[in-house]
Amino acid sequence: MKKITLIVNNDFKKREKQKFFVKQELKCILNLYAKMVSNGSWKDYSFSSGNKEISFDVYQRASEKPFIRITKNFKPNFYNEKYFIKDSNGNIIKKSENLNLLIDKTSWNKLKLVK
């Protein structure tokens, strides 16, 4: 009979922290999403991630590219660049260090899709 050995990798320094929205951030974003879906403004969403950021992408139609992105920057250069709102071209509309303030201070109904 062969011997079975258990190998456990407990090297926590090498293991990278999971990069995603934390529960409170996701709750805030999904509350906004529910409000905008009930208005009929937003239709669909997705998540996209990279090495430096993760974003919540909002669509007006499922076949288009996202027209609004709520982005969390993992390595901000400045204090107020932790959260962004970007348009479909990647231009920054607003930025803040607090996601709740960013979402509350943005007039979502006035943002229009520009082609």
PDB file of N, CA and C in Angstrom:
ATOM      1  N   MET A   1       0.843  -1.187   0.000  1.00  0.00           N
ATOM      2  CA  MET A   1       0.000   0.000   0.000  1.00  0.00           C
ATOM      3  C   MET A   1       0.883   1.243   0.000  1.00  0.00           C
ATOM      4  N   LYS A   2       0.512   2.244  -0.782  1.00  0.00           N
ATOM      5  CA  LYS A   2       1.291   3.476  -0.885  1.00  0.00           C
ATOM      6  C   LYS A   2       0.993   4.381   0.305  1.00  0.00           C
ATOM      7  N   LYS A   3       2.005   5.149   0.687  1.00  0.00           N
ATOM      8  CA  LYS A   3       1.830   6.104   1.775  1.00  0.00           C
ATOM      9  C   LYS A   3       1.278   7.411   1.214  1.00  0.00           C
ATOM     10  N   ILE A   4       0.329   7.966   1.894  1.00  0.00           N
ATOM     11  CA  ILE A   4      -0.276   9.236   1.504  1.00  0.00           C
ATOM     12  C   ILE A   4       0.297  10.316   2.405  1.00  0.00           C
ATOM     13  N   THR A   5       0.815  11.339   1.818  1.00  0.00           N
ATOM     14  CA  THR A   5       1.347  12.452   2.611  1.00  0.00           C
ATOM     15  C   THR A   5       0.520  13.696   2.355  1.00  0.00           C
ATOM     16  N   LEU A   6       0.331  14.450   3.390  1.00  0.00           N
ATOM     17  CA  LEU A   6      -0.437  15.687   3.321  1.00  0.00           C
ATOM     18  C   LEU A   6       0.545  16.852   3.321  1.00  0.00           C
ATOM     19  N   ILE A   7       0.466  17.691   2.329  1.00  0.00           N
ATOM     20  CA  ILE A   7       1.323  18.866   2.225  1.00  0.00           C
ATOM     21  C   ILE A   7       0.444  20.093   2.372  1.00  0.00           C
ATOM     22  N   VAL A   8       0.758  20.906   3.360  1.00  0.00           N
ATOM     23  CA  VAL A   8      -0.015  22.118   3.628  1.00  0.00           C
ATOM     24  C   VAL A   8       0.877  23.318   3.383  1.00  0.00           C
ATOM     25  N   ASN A   9       0.384  24.244   2.593  1.00  0.00           N
ATOM     26  CA  ASN A   9       1.127  25.464   2.304  1.00  0.00           C
ATOM     27  C   ASN A   9       0.605  26.563   3.219  1.00  0.00           C
ATOM     28  N   ASN A  10       1.329  26.836   4.281  1.00  0.00           N
ATOM     29  CA  ASN A  10       0.921  27.865   5.244  1.00  0.00           C
ATOM     30  C   ASN A  10       1.721  29.148   5.100  1.00  0.00           C
ATOM     31  N   ASP A  11       2.283  29.380   3.963  1.00  0.00           N
ATOM     32  CA  ASP A  11       3.063  30.584   3.747  1.00  0.00           C
ATOM     33  C   ASP A  11       2.112  31.732   3.406  1.00  0.00           C
ATOM     34  N   PHE A  12       1.666  32.460   4.434  1.00  0.00           N
ATOM     35  CA  PHE A  12       0.683  33.519   4.246  1.00  0.00           C
ATOM     36  C   PHE A  12       1.275  34.752   3.578  1.00  0.00           C
ATOM     37  N   LYS A  13       2.577  34.927   3.658  1.00  0.00           N
ATOM     38  CA  LYS A  13       3.193  36.106   3.055  1.00  0.00           C
ATOM     39  C   LYS A  13       3.134  36.044   1.534  1.00  0.00           C
ATOM     40  N   LYS A  14       3.255  34.854   0.978  1.00  0.00           N
ATOM     41  CA  LYS A  14       3.230  34.717  -0.473  1.00  0.00           C
ATOM     42  C   LYS A  14       1.815  34.745  -1.037  1.00  0.00           C
ATOM     43  N   ARG A  15       0.856  34.309  -0.234  1.00  0.00           N
ATOM     44  CA  ARG A  15      -0.517  34.267  -0.704  1.00  0.00           C
ATOM     45  C   ARG A  15      -1.072  35.682  -0.801  1.00  0.00           C
ATOM     46  N   GLU A  16      -1.600  36.012  -1.947  1.00  0.00           N
ATOM     47  CA  GLU A  16      -2.098  37.357  -2.175  1.00  0.00           C
ATOM     48  C   GLU A  16      -3.535  37.473  -1.664  1.00  0.00           C
ATOM     49  N   LYS A  17      -3.838  38.627  -1.127  1.00  0.00           N
ATOM     50  CA  LYS A  17      -5.171  38.911  -0.612  1.00  0.00           C
ATOM     51  C   LYS A  17      -6.181  38.929  -1.759  1.00  0.00           C
ATOM     52  N   GLN A  18      -7.373  38.400  -1.524  1.00  0.00           N
ATOM     53  CA  GLN A  18      -8.426  38.422  -2.535  1.00  0.00           C
ATOM     54  C   GLN A  18      -8.806  39.857  -2.843  1.00  0.00           C
ATOM     55  N   LYS A  19      -8.891  40.176  -4.112  1.00  0.00           N
ATOM     56  CA  LYS A  19      -9.213  41.543  -4.515  1.00  0.00           C
ATOM     57  C   LYS A  19     -10.639  41.576  -5.053  1.00  0.00           C
ATOM     58  N   PHE A  20     -11.506  42.217  -4.276  1.00  0.00           N
ATOM     59  CA  PHE A  20     -12.907  42.329  -4.658  1.00  0.00           C
ATOM     60  C   PHE A  20     -13.519  43.451  -3.839  1.00  0.00           C
ATOM     61  N   PHE A  21     -14.787  43.726  -4.054  1.00  0.00           N
ATOM     62  CA  PHE A  21     -15.509  44.661  -3.211  1.00  0.00           C
ATOM     63  C   PHE A  21     -15.812  43.977  -1.878  1.00  0.00           C
ATOM     64  N   VAL A  22     -15.703  44.712  -0.782  1.00  0.00           N
ATOM     65  CA  VAL A  22     -16.093  44.161   0.511  1.00  0.00           C
ATOM     66  C   VAL A  22     -17.610  44.243   0.634  1.00  0.00           C
ATOM     67  N   LYS A  23     -18.154  43.626   1.635  1.00  0.00           N
ATOM     68  CA  LYS A  23     -19.602  43.468   1.770  1.00  0.00           C
ATOM     69  C   LYS A  23     -20.338  44.808   1.787  1.00  0.00           C
ATOM     70  N   GLN A  24     -19.846  45.792   2.540  1.00  0.00           N
ATOM     71  CA  GLN A  24     -20.516  47.088   2.621  1.00  0.00           C
ATOM     72  C   GLN A  24     -20.491  47.829   1.283  1.00  0.00           C
ATOM     73  N   GLU A  25     -19.381  47.733   0.556  1.00  0.00           N
ATOM     74  CA  GLU A  25     -19.284  48.379  -0.752  1.00  0.00           C
ATOM     75  C   GLU A  25     -20.249  47.746  -1.741  1.00  0.00           C
ATOM     76  N   LEU A  26     -20.297  46.437  -1.742  1.00  0.00           N
ATOM     77  CA  LEU A  26     -21.189  45.724  -2.655  1.00  0.00           C
ATOM     78  C   LEU A  26     -22.650  45.996  -2.323  1.00  0.00           C
ATOM     79  N   LYS A  27     -22.962  46.094  -1.046  1.00  0.00           N
ATOM     80  CA  LYS A  27     -24.329  46.413  -0.626  1.00  0.00           C
ATOM     81  C   LYS A  27     -24.743  47.789  -1.131  1.00  0.00           C
ATOM     82  N   CYS A  28     -23.853  48.755  -1.016  1.00  0.00           N
ATOM     83  CA  CYS A  28     -24.125  50.115  -1.477  1.00  0.00           C
ATOM     84  C   CYS A  28     -24.340  50.154  -2.997  1.00  0.00           C
ATOM     85  N   ILE A  29     -23.492  49.449  -3.726  1.00  0.00           N
ATOM     86  CA  ILE A  29     -23.596  49.416  -5.183  1.00  0.00           C
ATOM     87  C   ILE A  29     -24.866  48.703  -5.622  1.00  0.00           C
ATOM     88  N   LEU A  30     -25.190  47.584  -5.008  1.00  0.00           N
ATOM     89  CA  LEU A  30     -26.384  46.828  -5.407  1.00  0.00           C
ATOM     90  C   LEU A  30     -27.675  47.540  -5.021  1.00  0.00           C
ATOM     91  N   ASN A  31     -27.657  48.334  -3.946  1.00  0.00           N
ATOM     92  CA  ASN A  31     -28.833  49.156  -3.613  1.00  0.00           C
ATOM     93  C   ASN A  31     -29.069  50.201  -4.698  1.00  0.00           C
ATOM     94  N   LEU A  32     -27.989  50.826  -5.156  1.00  0.00           N
ATOM     95  CA  LEU A  32     -28.105  51.784  -6.262  1.00  0.00           C
ATOM     96  C   LEU A  32     -28.606  51.085  -7.520  1.00  0.00           C
ATOM     97  N   TYR A  33     -28.064  49.912  -7.807  1.00  0.00           N
ATOM     98  CA  TYR A  33     -28.469  49.160  -8.998  1.00  0.00           C
ATOM     99  C   TYR A  33     -29.962  48.817  -8.949  1.00  0.00           C
ATOM    100  N   ALA A  34     -30.445  48.377  -7.801  1.00  0.00           N
ATOM    101  CA  ALA A  34     -31.869  48.037  -7.660  1.00  0.00           C
ATOM    102  C   ALA A  34     -32.749  49.262  -7.893  1.00  0.00           C
ATOM    103  N   LYS A  35     -32.311  50.401  -7.382  1.00  0.00           N
ATOM    104  CA  LYS A  35     -33.071  51.642  -7.576  1.00  0.00           C
ATOM    105  C   LYS A  35     -33.125  52.038  -9.052  1.00  0.00           C
ATOM    106  N   MET A  36     -31.993  51.913  -9.742  1.00  0.00           N
ATOM    107  CA  MET A  36     -31.951  52.317 -11.140  1.00  0.00           C
ATOM    108  C   MET A  36     -32.658  51.316 -12.050  1.00  0.00           C
ATOM    109  N   VAL A  37     -32.671  50.046 -11.697  1.00  0.00           N
ATOM    110  CA  VAL A  37     -33.430  49.056 -12.471  1.00  0.00           C
ATOM    111  C   VAL A  37     -34.922  49.323 -12.324  1.00  0.00           C
ATOM    112  N   SER A  38     -35.354  49.679 -11.117  1.00  0.00           N
ATOM    113  CA  SER A  38     -36.780  49.972 -10.927  1.00  0.00           C
ATOM    114  C   SER A  38     -37.201  51.226 -11.692  1.00  0.00           C
ATOM    115  N   ASN A  39     -36.271  52.164 -11.924  1.00  0.00           N
ATOM    116  CA  ASN A  39     -36.548  53.344 -12.757  1.00  0.00           C
ATOM    117  C   ASN A  39     -36.617  52.997 -14.234  1.00  0.00           C
ATOM    118  N   GLY A  40     -35.993  51.880 -14.614  1.00  0.00           N
ATOM    119  CA  GLY A  40     -35.931  51.496 -16.013  1.00  0.00           C
ATOM    120  C   GLY A  40     -34.704  52.017 -16.725  1.00  0.00           C
ATOM    121  N   SER A  41     -33.768  52.617 -15.980  1.00  0.00           N
ATOM    122  CA  SER A  41     -32.566  53.194 -16.595  1.00  0.00           C
ATOM    123  C   SER A  41     -31.513  52.149 -16.893  1.00  0.00           C
ATOM    124  N   TRP A  42     -31.322  51.234 -15.978  1.00  0.00           N
ATOM    125  CA  TRP A  42     -30.275  50.228 -16.123  1.00  0.00           C
ATOM    126  C   TRP A  42     -30.906  48.862 -16.361  1.00  0.00           C
ATOM    127  N   LYS A  43     -30.245  48.034 -17.160  1.00  0.00           N
ATOM    128  CA  LYS A  43     -30.800  46.733 -17.519  1.00  0.00           C
ATOM    129  C   LYS A  43     -29.979  45.558 -17.007  1.00  0.00           C
ATOM    130  N   ASP A  44     -28.652  45.672 -17.042  1.00  0.00           N
ATOM    131  CA  ASP A  44     -27.806  44.530 -16.727  1.00  0.00           C
ATOM    132  C   ASP A  44     -26.512  45.020 -16.092  1.00  0.00           C
ATOM    133  N   TYR A  45     -25.778  44.105 -15.457  1.00  0.00           N
ATOM    134  CA  TYR A  45     -24.488  44.459 -14.873  1.00  0.00           C
ATOM    135  C   TYR A  45     -23.518  43.297 -14.991  1.00  0.00           C
ATOM    136  N   SER A  46     -22.249  43.602 -14.792  1.00  0.00           N
ATOM    137  CA  SER A  46     -21.211  42.573 -14.737  1.00  0.00           C
ATOM    138  C   SER A  46     -20.059  43.104 -13.895  1.00  0.00           C
ATOM    139  N   PHE A  47     -19.145  42.220 -13.576  1.00  0.00           N
ATOM    140  CA  PHE A  47     -17.923  42.598 -12.874  1.00  0.00           C
ATOM    141  C   PHE A  47     -16.751  42.363 -13.801  1.00  0.00           C
ATOM    142  N   SER A  48     -15.784  43.240 -13.748  1.00  0.00           N
ATOM    143  CA  SER A  48     -14.534  43.015 -14.465  1.00  0.00           C
ATOM    144  C   SER A  48     -13.395  43.370 -13.516  1.00  0.00           C
ATOM    145  N   SER A  49     -12.314  42.604 -13.611  1.00  0.00           N
ATOM    146  CA  SER A  49     -11.214  42.829 -12.676  1.00  0.00           C
ATOM    147  C   SER A  49      -9.884  42.805 -13.401  1.00  0.00           C
ATOM    148  N   GLY A  50      -8.926  43.433 -12.776  1.00  0.00           N
ATOM    149  CA  GLY A  50      -7.560  43.474 -13.266  1.00  0.00           C
ATOM    150  C   GLY A  50      -6.611  43.468 -12.082  1.00  0.00           C
ATOM    151  N   ASN A  51      -5.355  43.720 -12.335  1.00  0.00           N
ATOM    152  CA  ASN A  51      -4.371  43.736 -11.259  1.00  0.00           C
ATOM    153  C   ASN A  51      -4.540  44.934 -10.340  1.00  0.00           C
ATOM    154  N   LYS A  52      -4.936  46.064 -10.903  1.00  0.00           N
ATOM    155  CA  LYS A  52      -5.005  47.298 -10.129  1.00  0.00           C
ATOM    156  C   LYS A  52      -6.407  47.710  -9.714  1.00  0.00           C
ATOM    157  N   GLU A  53      -7.432  47.118 -10.339  1.00  0.00           N
ATOM    158  CA  GLU A  53      -8.786  47.570 -10.045  1.00  0.00           C
ATOM    159  C   GLU A  53      -9.824  46.491 -10.330  1.00  0.00           C
ATOM    160  N   ILE A  54     -10.988  46.697  -9.738  1.00  0.00           N
ATOM    161  CA  ILE A  54     -12.164  45.892 -10.056  1.00  0.00           C
ATOM    162  C   ILE A  54     -13.295  46.872 -10.322  1.00  0.00           C
ATOM    163  N   SER A  55     -14.172  46.520 -11.239  1.00  0.00           N
ATOM    164  CA  SER A  55     -15.251  47.448 -11.553  1.00  0.00           C
ATOM    165  C   SER A  55     -16.587  46.730 -11.680  1.00  0.00           C
ATOM    166  N   PHE A  56     -17.618  47.470 -11.319  1.00  0.00           N
ATOM    167  CA  PHE A  56     -19.005  47.068 -11.472  1.00  0.00           C
ATOM    168  C   PHE A  56     -19.494  47.775 -12.718  1.00  0.00           C
ATOM    169  N   ASP A  57     -19.738  47.020 -13.777  1.00  0.00           N
ATOM    170  CA  ASP A  57     -20.100  47.585 -15.077  1.00  0.00           C
ATOM    171  C   ASP A  57     -21.612  47.553 -15.254  1.00  0.00           C
ATOM    172  N   VAL A  58     -22.166  48.667 -15.694  1.00  0.00           N
ATOM    173  CA  VAL A  58     -23.609  48.796 -15.861  1.00  0.00           C
ATOM    174  C   VAL A  58     -23.932  48.937 -17.341  1.00  0.00           C
ATOM    175  N   TYR A  59     -24.959  48.227 -17.780  1.00  0.00           N
ATOM    176  CA  TYR A  59     -25.371  48.223 -19.189  1.00  0.00           C
ATOM    177  C   TYR A  59     -26.798  48.742 -19.304  1.00  0.00           C
ATOM    178  N   GLN A  60     -27.067  49.405 -20.419  1.00  0.00           N
ATOM    179  CA  GLN A  60     -28.448  49.761 -20.753  1.00  0.00           C
ATOM    180  C   GLN A  60     -29.091  48.645 -21.563  1.00  0.00           C
ATOM    181  N   ARG A  61     -28.293  47.962 -22.347  1.00  0.00           N
ATOM    182  CA  ARG A  61     -28.732  46.776 -23.088  1.00  0.00           C
ATOM    183  C   ARG A  61     -27.644  45.721 -22.948  1.00  0.00           C
ATOM    184  N   ALA A  62     -28.018  44.481 -23.006  1.00  0.00           N
ATOM    185  CA  ALA A  62     -27.053  43.402 -22.770  1.00  0.00           C
ATOM    186  C   ALA A  62     -26.024  43.267 -23.883  1.00  0.00           C
ATOM    187  N   SER A  63     -26.338  43.742 -25.075  1.00  0.00           N
ATOM    188  CA  SER A  63     -25.431  43.551 -26.203  1.00  0.00           C
ATOM    189  C   SER A  63     -24.400  44.669 -26.356  1.00  0.00           C
ATOM    190  N   GLU A  64     -24.500  45.740 -25.570  1.00  0.00           N
ATOM    191  CA  GLU A  64     -23.594  46.869 -25.704  1.00  0.00           C
ATOM    192  C   GLU A  64     -22.429  46.764 -24.734  1.00  0.00           C
ATOM    193  N   LYS A  65     -21.487  47.691 -24.875  1.00  0.00           N
ATOM    194  CA  LYS A  65     -20.440  47.809 -23.876  1.00  0.00           C
ATOM    195  C   LYS A  65     -21.005  48.610 -22.699  1.00  0.00           C
ATOM    196  N   PRO A  66     -20.416  48.481 -21.517  1.00  0.00           N
ATOM    197  CA  PRO A  66     -20.976  49.180 -20.355  1.00  0.00           C
ATOM    198  C   PRO A  66     -20.906  50.699 -20.527  1.00  0.00           C
ATOM    199  N   PHE A  67     -21.955  51.378 -20.087  1.00  0.00           N
ATOM    200  CA  PHE A  67     -21.946  52.821 -20.236  1.00  0.00           C
ATOM    201  C   PHE A  67     -21.518  53.523 -18.949  1.00  0.00           C
ATOM    202  N   ILE A  68     -21.524  52.822 -17.836  1.00  0.00           N
ATOM    203  CA  ILE A  68     -21.031  53.364 -16.566  1.00  0.00           C
ATOM    204  C   ILE A  68     -20.248  52.259 -15.863  1.00  0.00           C
ATOM    205  N   ARG A  69     -19.123  52.641 -15.254  1.00  0.00           N
ATOM    206  CA  ARG A  69     -18.332  51.702 -14.453  1.00  0.00           C
ATOM    207  C   ARG A  69     -18.064  52.322 -13.101  1.00  0.00           C
ATOM    208  N   ILE A  70     -18.400  51.597 -12.045  1.00  0.00           N
ATOM    209  CA  ILE A  70     -18.038  52.001 -10.687  1.00  0.00           C
ATOM    210  C   ILE A  70     -16.818  51.177 -10.336  1.00  0.00           C
ATOM    211  N   THR A  71     -15.687  51.839 -10.149  1.00  0.00           N
ATOM    212  CA  THR A  71     -14.401  51.167 -10.057  1.00  0.00           C
ATOM    213  C   THR A  71     -13.753  51.379  -8.703  1.00  0.00           C
ATOM    214  N   LYS A  72     -13.177  50.303  -8.177  1.00  0.00           N
ATOM    215  CA  LYS A  72     -12.370  50.377  -6.957  1.00  0.00           C
ATOM    216  C   LYS A  72     -10.917  50.197  -7.360  1.00  0.00           C
ATOM    217  N   ASN A  73     -10.093  51.181  -7.023  1.00  0.00           N
ATOM    218  CA  ASN A  73      -8.678  51.174  -7.359  1.00  0.00           C
ATOM    219  C   ASN A  73      -7.893  50.603  -6.173  1.00  0.00           C
ATOM    220  N   PHE A  74      -7.132  49.533  -6.394  1.00  0.00           N
ATOM    221  CA  PHE A  74      -6.391  48.894  -5.312  1.00  0.00           C
ATOM    222  C   PHE A  74      -5.093  49.614  -4.974  1.00  0.00           C
ATOM    223  N   LYS A  75      -4.531  50.323  -5.934  1.00  0.00           N
ATOM    224  CA  LYS A  75      -3.270  51.031  -5.722  1.00  0.00           C
ATOM    225  C   LYS A  75      -3.422  52.486  -6.154  1.00  0.00           C
ATOM    226  N   PRO A  76      -4.164  53.295  -5.361  1.00  0.00           N
ATOM    227  CA  PRO A  76      -4.370  54.690  -5.777  1.00  0.00           C
ATOM    228  C   PRO A  76      -3.095  55.515  -5.624  1.00  0.00           C
ATOM    229  N   ASN A  77      -2.896  56.434  -6.556  1.00  0.00           N
ATOM    230  CA  ASN A  77      -1.758  57.347  -6.482  1.00  0.00           C
ATOM    231  C   ASN A  77      -2.009  58.460  -5.475  1.00  0.00           C
ATOM    232  N   PHE A  78      -3.262  58.887  -5.369  1.00  0.00           N
ATOM    233  CA  PHE A  78      -3.638  59.942  -4.448  1.00  0.00           C
ATOM    234  C   PHE A  78      -4.784  59.459  -3.571  1.00  0.00           C
ATOM    235  N   TYR A  79      -5.007  60.171  -2.468  1.00  0.00           N
ATOM    236  CA  TYR A  79      -5.998  59.763  -1.472  1.00  0.00           C
ATOM    237  C   TYR A  79      -7.404  59.679  -2.042  1.00  0.00           C
ATOM    238  N   ASN A  80      -7.774  60.634  -2.893  1.00  0.00           N
ATOM    239  CA  ASN A  80      -9.144  60.672  -3.405  1.00  0.00           C
ATOM    240  C   ASN A  80      -9.358  59.823  -4.649  1.00  0.00           C
ATOM    241  N   GLU A  81      -8.420  58.978  -5.001  1.00  0.00           N
ATOM    242  CA  GLU A  81      -8.552  58.143  -6.200  1.00  0.00           C
ATOM    243  C   GLU A  81      -8.820  56.680  -5.879  1.00  0.00           C
ATOM    244  N   LYS A  82      -9.495  56.406  -4.780  1.00  0.00           N
ATOM    245  CA  LYS A  82      -9.788  55.011  -4.441  1.00  0.00           C
ATOM    246  C   LYS A  82     -10.990  54.492  -5.226  1.00  0.00           C
ATOM    247  N   TYR A  83     -11.999  55.326  -5.434  1.00  0.00           N
ATOM    248  CA  TYR A  83     -13.203  54.934  -6.166  1.00  0.00           C
ATOM    249  C   TYR A  83     -13.417  55.905  -7.322  1.00  0.00           C
ATOM    250  N   PHE A  84     -13.802  55.359  -8.473  1.00  0.00           N
ATOM    251  CA  PHE A  84     -14.056  56.139  -9.678  1.00  0.00           C
ATOM    252  C   PHE A  84     -15.437  55.814 -10.221  1.00  0.00           C
ATOM    253  N   ILE A  85     -15.971  56.765 -10.959  1.00  0.00           N
ATOM    254  CA  ILE A  85     -17.089  56.491 -11.857  1.00  0.00           C
ATOM    255  C   ILE A  85     -16.570  56.843 -13.243  1.00  0.00           C
ATOM    256  N   LYS A  86     -16.575  55.862 -14.140  1.00  0.00           N
ATOM    257  CA  LYS A  86     -16.059  56.059 -15.492  1.00  0.00           C
ATOM    258  C   LYS A  86     -17.191  55.924 -16.497  1.00  0.00           C
ATOM    259  N   ASP A  87     -17.062  56.630 -17.616  1.00  0.00           N
ATOM    260  CA  ASP A  87     -18.043  56.492 -18.696  1.00  0.00           C
ATOM    261  C   ASP A  87     -17.615  55.368 -19.631  1.00  0.00           C
ATOM    262  N   SER A  88     -18.332  55.218 -20.736  1.00  0.00           N
ATOM    263  CA  SER A  88     -18.078  54.100 -21.652  1.00  0.00           C
ATOM    264  C   SER A  88     -16.728  54.202 -22.352  1.00  0.00           C
ATOM    265  N   ASN A  89     -16.174  55.398 -22.438  1.00  0.00           N
ATOM    266  CA  ASN A  89     -14.874  55.584 -23.080  1.00  0.00           C
ATOM    267  C   ASN A  89     -13.709  55.460 -22.103  1.00  0.00           C
ATOM    268  N   GLY A  90     -13.993  55.268 -20.821  1.00  0.00           N
ATOM    269  CA  GLY A  90     -12.945  55.151 -19.815  1.00  0.00           C
ATOM    270  C   GLY A  90     -12.565  56.464 -19.171  1.00  0.00           C
ATOM    271  N   ASN A  91     -13.272  57.536 -19.488  1.00  0.00           N
ATOM    272  CA  ASN A  91     -13.006  58.836 -18.880  1.00  0.00           C
ATOM    273  C   ASN A  91     -13.597  58.876 -17.474  1.00  0.00           C
ATOM    274  N   ILE A  92     -12.868  59.472 -16.549  1.00  0.00           N
ATOM    275  CA  ILE A  92     -13.325  59.549 -15.162  1.00  0.00           C
ATOM    276  C   ILE A  92     -14.331  60.689 -15.033  1.00  0.00           C
ATOM    277  N   ILE A  93     -15.529  60.352 -14.564  1.00  0.00           N
ATOM    278  CA  ILE A  93     -16.569  61.356 -14.350  1.00  0.00           C
ATOM    279  C   ILE A  93     -16.423  61.946 -12.955  1.00  0.00           C
ATOM    280  N   LYS A  94     -16.292  61.082 -11.953  1.00  0.00           N
ATOM    281  CA  LYS A  94     -16.121  61.501 -10.566  1.00  0.00           C
ATOM    282  C   LYS A  94     -15.167  60.551  -9.877  1.00  0.00           C
ATOM    283  N   LYS A  95     -14.519  61.040  -8.828  1.00  0.00           N
ATOM    284  CA  LYS A  95     -13.656  60.193  -8.014  1.00  0.00           C
ATOM    285  C   LYS A  95     -13.759  60.628  -6.562  1.00  0.00           C
ATOM    286  N   SER A  96     -13.524  59.669  -5.662  1.00  0.00           N
ATOM    287  CA  SER A  96     -13.647  59.947  -4.238  1.00  0.00           C
ATOM    288  C   SER A  96     -12.909  58.895  -3.439  1.00  0.00           C
ATOM    289  N   GLU A  97     -12.711  59.182  -2.159  1.00  0.00           N
ATOM    290  CA  GLU A  97     -12.112  58.200  -1.260  1.00  0.00           C
ATOM    291  C   GLU A  97     -13.174  57.397  -0.525  1.00  0.00           C
ATOM    292  N   ASN A  98     -14.441  57.819  -0.622  1.00  0.00           N
ATOM    293  CA  ASN A  98     -15.537  57.151   0.067  1.00  0.00           C
ATOM    294  C   ASN A  98     -16.604  56.765  -0.954  1.00  0.00           C
ATOM    295  N   LEU A  99     -16.906  55.480  -1.041  1.00  0.00           N
ATOM    296  CA  LEU A  99     -17.878  55.000  -2.023  1.00  0.00           C
ATOM    297  C   LEU A  99     -19.284  55.495  -1.732  1.00  0.00           C
ATOM    298  N   ASN A 100     -19.687  55.533  -0.467  1.00  0.00           N
ATOM    299  CA  ASN A 100     -21.033  55.995  -0.127  1.00  0.00           C
ATOM    300  C   ASN A 100     -21.244  57.446  -0.547  1.00  0.00           C
ATOM    301  N   LEU A 101     -20.260  58.302  -0.272  1.00  0.00           N
ATOM    302  CA  LEU A 101     -20.372  59.706  -0.690  1.00  0.00           C
ATOM    303  C   LEU A 101     -20.381  59.845  -2.204  1.00  0.00           C
ATOM    304  N   LEU A 102     -19.580  59.042  -2.871  1.00  0.00           N
ATOM    305  CA  LEU A 102     -19.522  59.092  -4.334  1.00  0.00           C
ATOM    306  C   LEU A 102     -20.872  58.735  -4.951  1.00  0.00           C
ATOM    307  N   ILE A 103     -21.496  57.704  -4.437  1.00  0.00           N
ATOM    308  CA  ILE A 103     -22.794  57.272  -4.969  1.00  0.00           C
ATOM    309  C   ILE A 103     -23.899  58.255  -4.598  1.00  0.00           C
ATOM    310  N   ASP A 104     -23.865  58.789  -3.371  1.00  0.00           N
ATOM    311  CA  ASP A 104     -24.905  59.720  -2.941  1.00  0.00           C
ATOM    312  C   ASP A 104     -24.819  61.068  -3.653  1.00  0.00           C
ATOM    313  N   LYS A 105     -23.633  61.542  -3.944  1.00  0.00           N
ATOM    314  CA  LYS A 105     -23.457  62.871  -4.541  1.00  0.00           C
ATOM    315  C   LYS A 105     -23.603  62.888  -6.059  1.00  0.00           C
ATOM    316  N   THR A 106     -23.691  61.728  -6.688  1.00  0.00           N
ATOM    317  CA  THR A 106     -23.817  61.668  -8.142  1.00  0.00           C
ATOM    318  C   THR A 106     -25.289  61.702  -8.527  1.00  0.00           C
ATOM    319  N   SER A 107     -25.628  62.550  -9.490  1.00  0.00           N
ATOM    320  CA  SER A 107     -27.005  62.588  -9.992  1.00  0.00           C
ATOM    321  C   SER A 107     -27.103  61.575 -11.129  1.00  0.00           C
ATOM    322  N   TRP A 108     -27.565  60.388 -10.830  1.00  0.00           N
ATOM    323  CA  TRP A 108     -27.550  59.258 -11.749  1.00  0.00           C
ATOM    324  C   TRP A 108     -28.528  59.436 -12.905  1.00  0.00           C
ATOM    325  N   ASN A 109     -29.615  60.107 -12.672  1.00  0.00           N
ATOM    326  CA  ASN A 109     -30.614  60.284 -13.736  1.00  0.00           C
ATOM    327  C   ASN A 109     -30.130  61.247 -14.815  1.00  0.00           C
ATOM    328  N   LYS A 110     -29.179  62.116 -14.476  1.00  0.00           N
ATOM    329  CA  LYS A 110     -28.675  63.081 -15.459  1.00  0.00           C
ATOM    330  C   LYS A 110     -27.570  62.508 -16.322  1.00  0.00           C
ATOM    331  N   LEU A 111     -27.021  61.362 -15.945  1.00  0.00           N
ATOM    332  CA  LEU A 111     -25.976  60.735 -16.776  1.00  0.00           C
ATOM    333  C   LEU A 111     -26.634  60.094 -17.979  1.00  0.00           C
ATOM    334  N   LYS A 112     -26.211  60.485 -19.138  1.00  0.00           N
ATOM    335  CA  LYS A 112     -26.786  59.962 -20.391  1.00  0.00           C
ATOM    336  C   LYS A 112     -25.724  59.246 -21.184  1.00  0.00           C
ATOM    337  N   LEU A 113     -26.163  58.340 -22.000  1.00  0.00           N
ATOM    338  CA  LEU A 113     -25.274  57.617 -22.902  1.00  0.00           C
ATOM    339  C   LEU A 113     -24.991  58.515 -24.110  1.00  0.00           C
ATOM    340  N   VAL A 114     -23.717  58.801 -24.335  1.00  0.00           N
ATOM    341  CA  VAL A 114     -23.318  59.644 -25.462  1.00  0.00           C
ATOM    342  C   VAL A 114     -22.626  58.759 -26.485  1.00  0.00           C
ATOM    343  N   LYS A 115     -23.111  58.776 -27.728  1.00  0.00           N
ATOM    344  CA  LYS A 115     -22.523  57.941 -28.774  1.00  0.00           C
ATOM    345  C   LYS A 115     -21.695  58.771 -29.701  1.00  0.00           C
TER     346      LYS A 115
END
